Amino acid sequence: MNVGVTFIFVFALLVTIIKWGLIIWGIIWLVRYLKRSSQERQRFRLELGKLAEQVHLLQQELKPNKNSNSLQEAK
């Protein structure tokens, strides 16, 4: 009878340790994922800002060309 009780106790302890290990692993994974996600969002915002600036510069370059083309057509 003592062997059976000991086996059940060890099995229950092992299941508890595995359960808590999985919970802790999941929390660590979630924190790393959220940290990486925020860094990716920040990089995405920076790249989007650079792209917006380039589009703005291209628009500024094209505006004088449109005005000069319309002036040349009027002559």
Protein backbone atom coordinates (compact mmCIF):
# COMPACT_ATOMS: atom_id res chain seq x y z
CA MET A 1 0.00 0.00 0.00
CA ASN A 2 2.87 2.41 0.73
CA VAL A 3 4.30 1.89 -2.76
CA GLY A 4 0.96 2.80 -4.37
CA VAL A 5 0.56 5.96 -2.29
CA THR A 6 4.15 6.98 -2.99
CA PHE A 7 3.66 6.38 -6.72
CA ILE A 8 0.48 8.47 -6.75
CA PHE A 9 2.20 11.24 -4.79
CA VAL A 10 5.22 11.31 -7.14
CA PHE A 11 2.94 11.24 -10.20
CA ALA A 12 0.81 14.10 -8.84
CA LEU A 13 3.96 16.08 -8.01
CA LEU A 14 5.32 15.49 -11.52
CA VAL A 15 2.06 16.60 -13.13
CA THR A 16 2.01 19.73 -10.97
CA ILE A 17 5.61 20.59 -11.86
CA ILE A 18 4.93 20.09 -15.57
CA LYS A 19 1.76 22.18 -15.36
CA TRP A 20 3.51 25.09 -13.64
CA GLY A 21 6.47 24.78 -16.01
CA LEU A 22 4.15 25.13 -18.99
CA ILE A 23 2.41 28.12 -17.42
CA ILE A 24 5.73 29.88 -16.72
CA TRP A 25 7.01 29.03 -20.21
CA GLY A 26 3.82 30.46 -21.72
CA ILE A 27 4.17 33.71 -19.76
CA ILE A 28 7.82 34.08 -20.82
CA TRP A 29 6.88 33.40 -24.45
CA LEU A 30 4.07 35.96 -24.30
CA VAL A 31 6.32 38.67 -22.85
CA ARG A 32 8.98 38.04 -25.51
CA TYR A 33 6.34 38.07 -28.24
CA LEU A 34 4.87 41.36 -27.04
CA LYS A 35 8.31 42.94 -26.77
CA ARG A 36 9.27 41.80 -30.27
CA SER A 37 5.90 42.96 -31.59
CA SER A 38 6.34 46.45 -30.18
CA GLN A 39 9.83 46.68 -31.69
CA GLU A 40 8.46 45.59 -35.07
CA ARG A 41 5.69 48.19 -34.86
CA GLN A 42 8.25 50.88 -34.07
CA ARG A 43 10.41 49.83 -37.05
CA PHE A 44 7.33 49.77 -39.26
CA ARG A 45 6.41 53.31 -38.19
CA LEU A 46 9.92 54.54 -38.95
CA GLU A 47 9.89 52.95 -42.39
CA LEU A 48 6.42 54.32 -43.07
CA GLY A 49 7.61 57.79 -42.05
CA LYS A 50 10.57 57.53 -44.43
CA LEU A 51 8.27 56.42 -47.21
CA ALA A 52 5.87 59.30 -46.53
CA GLU A 53 8.77 61.76 -46.64
CA GLN A 54 9.94 60.37 -49.99
CA VAL A 55 6.43 60.62 -51.42
CA HIS A 56 6.20 64.20 -50.17
CA LEU A 57 9.53 65.07 -51.83
CA LEU A 58 8.43 63.45 -55.08
CA GLN A 59 5.21 65.44 -55.01
CA GLN A 60 7.17 68.64 -54.51
CA GLU A 61 9.41 67.75 -57.46
CA LEU A 62 6.43 67.03 -59.69
CA LYS A 63 4.52 70.23 -58.86
CA PRO A 64 7.05 72.60 -60.53
CA ASN A 65 7.17 70.27 -63.54
CA LYS A 66 3.40 70.45 -63.91
CA ASN A 67 3.46 74.24 -63.70
CA SER A 68 6.28 74.54 -66.25
CA ASN A 69 4.52 72.08 -68.60
CA SER A 70 1.30 74.09 -68.43
CA LEU A 71 3.22 77.34 -69.06
CA GLN A 72 4.98 75.82 -72.08
CA GLU A 73 1.67 74.57 -73.47
CA ALA A 74 0.12 78.02 -73.06
CA LYS A 75 2.91 79.64 -75.12
